[in-house]
Protein backbone atom coordinates (compact mmCIF):
# COMPACT_ATOMS: atom_id res chain seq x y z
CA MET A 1 86.22 30.97 -6.73
CA ALA A 2 88.47 28.44 -4.98
CA PRO A 3 87.57 27.44 -1.40
CA THR A 4 89.47 29.35 1.25
CA HIS A 5 90.62 28.73 4.79
CA PRO A 6 90.32 31.36 7.58
CA ALA A 7 94.12 31.63 7.69
CA GLY A 8 94.36 32.18 3.94
CA PRO A 9 93.78 30.29 0.72
CA LYS A 10 94.30 26.55 0.78
CA GLU A 11 94.81 24.18 -2.10
CA ILE A 12 92.02 21.61 -1.94
CA VAL A 13 92.99 17.98 -2.49
CA ARG A 14 90.31 15.30 -2.72
CA LEU A 15 91.65 12.02 -1.38
CA ILE A 16 90.16 8.54 -1.28
CA THR A 17 91.28 5.53 0.74
CA CYS A 18 90.38 2.13 -0.65
CA GLY A 19 91.34 -1.51 -0.64
CA SER A 20 90.12 -4.78 0.79
CA VAL A 21 88.50 -5.51 4.15
CA ASP A 22 90.68 -5.61 7.29
CA ASP A 23 93.70 -3.97 5.69
CA GLY A 24 93.95 -1.38 8.49
CA LYS A 25 92.17 1.47 6.72
CA SER A 26 90.39 2.76 9.83
CA THR A 27 93.64 2.87 11.77
CA LEU A 28 95.46 4.58 8.90
CA ILE A 29 92.78 7.26 8.61
CA GLY A 30 92.88 7.76 12.37
CA ARG A 31 96.67 8.05 12.20
CA LEU A 32 96.47 10.67 9.43
CA LEU A 33 93.97 12.71 11.43
CA HIS A 34 96.07 12.36 14.58
CA ASP A 35 99.38 13.29 12.97
CA ALA A 36 97.78 16.22 11.14
CA GLY A 37 96.56 17.59 14.48
CA ALA A 38 92.90 17.23 13.50
CA ILE A 39 91.72 15.44 16.65
CA PRO A 40 90.55 17.50 19.66
CA SER A 41 92.44 16.60 22.83
CA ASP A 42 89.30 15.52 24.70
CA GLN A 43 88.32 13.16 21.90
CA LEU A 44 91.83 11.72 21.83
CA ALA A 45 91.79 11.19 25.60
CA ALA A 46 88.47 9.33 25.39
CA LEU A 47 89.73 6.71 22.93
CA PRO A 48 90.27 3.13 24.14
CA ARG A 49 93.90 2.19 24.67
CA LEU A 50 95.88 -0.41 22.72
CA ASP A 51 99.34 -1.31 24.03
CA GLY A 52 99.20 1.88 26.10
CA GLU A 53 98.44 4.13 23.13
CA PRO A 54 95.08 5.51 21.85
CA ASP A 55 93.40 3.08 19.45
CA LEU A 56 93.02 5.45 16.50
CA SER A 57 90.75 3.07 14.58
CA PHE A 58 87.89 4.11 16.88
CA LEU A 59 87.93 7.59 15.34
CA VAL A 60 86.08 6.11 12.34
CA ASP A 61 84.25 3.40 14.26
CA GLY A 62 80.82 4.70 13.28
CA LEU A 63 81.29 3.25 9.82
CA THR A 64 82.33 -0.07 11.34
CA ALA A 65 79.15 -0.14 13.42
CA GLU A 66 77.05 0.41 10.31
CA ARG A 67 78.81 -2.46 8.58
CA GLU A 68 78.23 -4.82 11.51
CA GLN A 69 74.53 -3.96 11.54
CA GLY A 70 74.24 -4.79 7.85
CA ILE A 71 72.76 -1.44 6.82
CA THR A 72 73.62 0.71 3.84
CA ILE A 73 77.00 2.39 4.21
CA ASP A 74 77.56 5.84 2.76
CA VAL A 75 80.86 7.51 2.08
CA ALA A 76 82.14 9.36 5.16
CA TYR A 77 84.22 12.50 4.67
CA ARG A 78 87.08 13.62 6.94
CA PHE A 79 88.93 16.93 6.78
CA PHE A 80 92.50 17.81 7.73
CA ASP A 81 95.27 20.20 6.71
CA ILE A 82 98.90 19.50 5.87
CA GLY A 83 100.89 22.65 5.18
CA ASP A 84 99.12 24.77 2.58
CA ARG A 85 96.79 21.96 1.49
CA ARG A 86 93.37 21.06 2.82
CA PHE A 87 92.49 17.40 2.33
CA ILE A 88 88.95 16.16 1.89
CA LEU A 89 89.29 12.46 2.60
CA ALA A 90 86.57 10.10 1.40
CA ASP A 91 86.45 7.06 3.68
CA THR A 92 84.94 4.19 1.68
CA PRO A 93 84.11 0.65 2.82
CA GLY A 94 86.15 -2.32 1.64
CA HIS A 95 83.35 -4.87 1.26
CA GLU A 96 82.56 -5.89 -2.31
CA GLN A 97 78.83 -5.17 -1.92
CA TYR A 98 79.57 -1.50 -1.18
CA THR A 99 81.83 -0.96 -4.19
CA ARG A 100 79.30 1.48 -5.68
CA ASN A 101 80.01 3.87 -2.78
CA MET A 102 83.72 3.70 -3.56
CA VAL A 103 82.91 4.67 -7.17
CA THR A 104 80.98 7.73 -5.95
CA ALA A 105 83.99 8.98 -4.00
CA ALA A 106 86.57 8.09 -6.63
CA SER A 107 84.72 10.01 -9.32
CA THR A 108 85.93 13.33 -7.84
CA ALA A 109 89.26 12.21 -6.30
CA ASP A 110 92.63 13.76 -7.13
CA LEU A 111 94.61 11.14 -5.27
CA ALA A 112 94.02 7.62 -3.93
CA ILE A 113 95.63 5.58 -1.16
CA VAL A 114 95.28 1.87 -1.93
CA LEU A 115 95.92 -0.20 1.17
CA VAL A 116 97.29 -3.73 1.13
CA ASP A 117 97.73 -5.96 4.17
CA ALA A 118 101.40 -6.99 4.08
CA ARG A 119 100.45 -10.53 5.11
CA LYS A 120 97.83 -11.03 2.38
CA GLY A 121 99.24 -9.12 -0.57
CA VAL A 122 97.25 -8.00 -3.60
CA LEU A 123 93.69 -9.34 -3.39
CA THR A 124 90.71 -9.39 -5.74
CA GLN A 125 89.23 -6.29 -4.11
CA THR A 126 92.59 -4.51 -4.40
CA ARG A 127 92.49 -5.11 -8.13
CA ARG A 128 88.82 -4.18 -8.42
CA HIS A 129 89.28 -0.84 -6.67
CA SER A 130 92.43 -0.09 -8.66
CA ARG A 131 90.70 -0.87 -11.94
CA LEU A 132 87.89 1.52 -10.99
CA LEU A 133 90.41 4.24 -10.12
CA ALA A 134 91.91 3.88 -13.58
CA LEU A 135 88.51 3.96 -15.28
CA LEU A 136 87.55 7.10 -13.36
CA GLY A 137 90.77 8.90 -14.26
CA VAL A 138 92.53 8.88 -10.87
CA ARG A 139 96.18 8.73 -11.86
CA ARG A 140 98.00 9.59 -8.62
CA VAL A 141 98.05 6.51 -6.41
CA VAL A 142 99.89 5.67 -3.20
CA LEU A 143 100.20 1.96 -2.49
CA ALA A 144 100.37 1.69 1.30
CA VAL A 145 101.66 -1.77 2.20
CA ASN A 146 100.28 -1.74 5.72
CA LYS A 147 100.75 -3.85 8.86
CA MET A 148 104.46 -4.19 8.17
CA ASP A 149 104.92 -5.01 11.86
CA LEU A 150 103.12 -8.31 11.27
CA VAL A 151 105.73 -9.39 8.71
CA GLU A 152 108.62 -8.15 10.88
CA GLY A 153 109.33 -5.26 8.51
CA SER A 154 110.35 -7.65 5.75
CA GLN A 155 111.79 -5.87 2.73
CA ASP A 156 111.41 -9.04 0.65
CA ARG A 157 107.69 -9.15 1.41
CA PHE A 158 107.27 -5.47 0.58
CA ASP A 159 109.19 -5.80 -2.67
CA ALA A 160 107.13 -8.82 -3.74
CA ILE A 161 103.85 -6.98 -3.16
CA VAL A 162 105.07 -3.88 -4.99
CA GLU A 163 106.22 -5.98 -7.93
CA ALA A 164 102.86 -7.78 -8.14
CA TYR A 165 100.84 -4.57 -7.86
CA SER A 166 103.02 -2.65 -10.31
CA ALA A 167 102.67 -5.37 -12.93
CA PHE A 168 98.89 -5.24 -12.59
CA ALA A 169 98.81 -1.42 -12.50
CA ASP A 170 100.71 -1.25 -15.78
CA THR A 171 98.02 -3.30 -17.50
CA ILE A 172 95.26 -0.87 -16.48
CA GLY A 173 97.11 2.38 -17.06
CA LEU A 174 98.01 3.32 -13.48
CA THR A 175 101.57 4.49 -13.98
CA GLY A 176 102.09 7.05 -11.21
CA VAL A 177 102.16 4.68 -8.23
CA THR A 178 104.25 5.45 -5.13
CA ALA A 179 104.70 2.48 -2.78
CA ILE A 180 105.29 3.02 0.94
CA PRO A 181 105.69 0.39 3.70
CA THR A 182 103.53 1.48 6.63
CA CYS A 183 102.38 0.45 10.06
CA ALA A 184 99.40 2.68 10.80
CA ARG A 185 99.19 1.44 14.39
CA THR A 186 102.63 2.79 15.29
CA GLY A 187 102.83 5.51 12.64
CA GLU A 188 105.76 3.94 10.77
CA ASN A 189 106.39 5.92 7.57
CA VAL A 190 103.18 7.92 7.96
CA SER A 191 104.51 11.19 9.37
CA ALA A 192 107.88 9.87 10.51
CA THR A 193 110.28 7.01 9.89
CA GLY A 194 110.89 4.30 12.43
CA ALA A 195 113.08 1.34 13.28
CA LEU A 196 110.82 -1.25 11.64
CA THR A 197 111.88 -0.52 8.04
CA PRO A 198 115.43 0.89 8.14
CA TRP A 199 115.93 -0.19 4.52
CA TYR A 200 113.25 2.22 3.28
CA ALA A 201 114.58 5.64 2.22
CA GLY A 202 111.54 7.04 0.39
CA PRO A 203 108.94 9.61 1.48
CA GLY A 204 106.49 9.14 4.30
CA LEU A 205 102.78 9.00 3.52
CA MET A 206 102.04 12.54 4.68
CA ALA A 207 104.98 13.87 2.66
């Protein structure tokens, strides 16, 4: 029997976020939870402030603390609803030495968000995680080109990264890739569009 929600049946979607270190994954996950209304108001109020707004990266800061202490990092699961879907999000570390934990989460994933720092482009770990997604049969991939604010919303930079990733994805059999320019810190193209990328007319990440 399919899992149900108290308000009625929900379609369950297993989601994984992956990519290299320092690509903004913690902030993006925090933004998804925030924009999906999955953060209690008292927890939101207790977050440190960044430029006058809650620093959403601290919502997953426990995993960061584990990494800094050098101990084994397990996959952390987050839950949120969008419309008639319930998402089970597997938060996996970006460090190469914890790749095995990413494999554990990806083995049951329906969908993956691969993050790329807009300043750095496609890195070795980006390719490694993508290759593992392909091997494990994850065919629905969102390429989130994040931190677009740090490249001044450059369409040329976005297009270059998408071209490089798409060429690589084709060689490993990842054909269903949707690329989105994002700024997780401000929420650009996560749940709403913004002024940073007026040239982008595609869907937001939550859509």
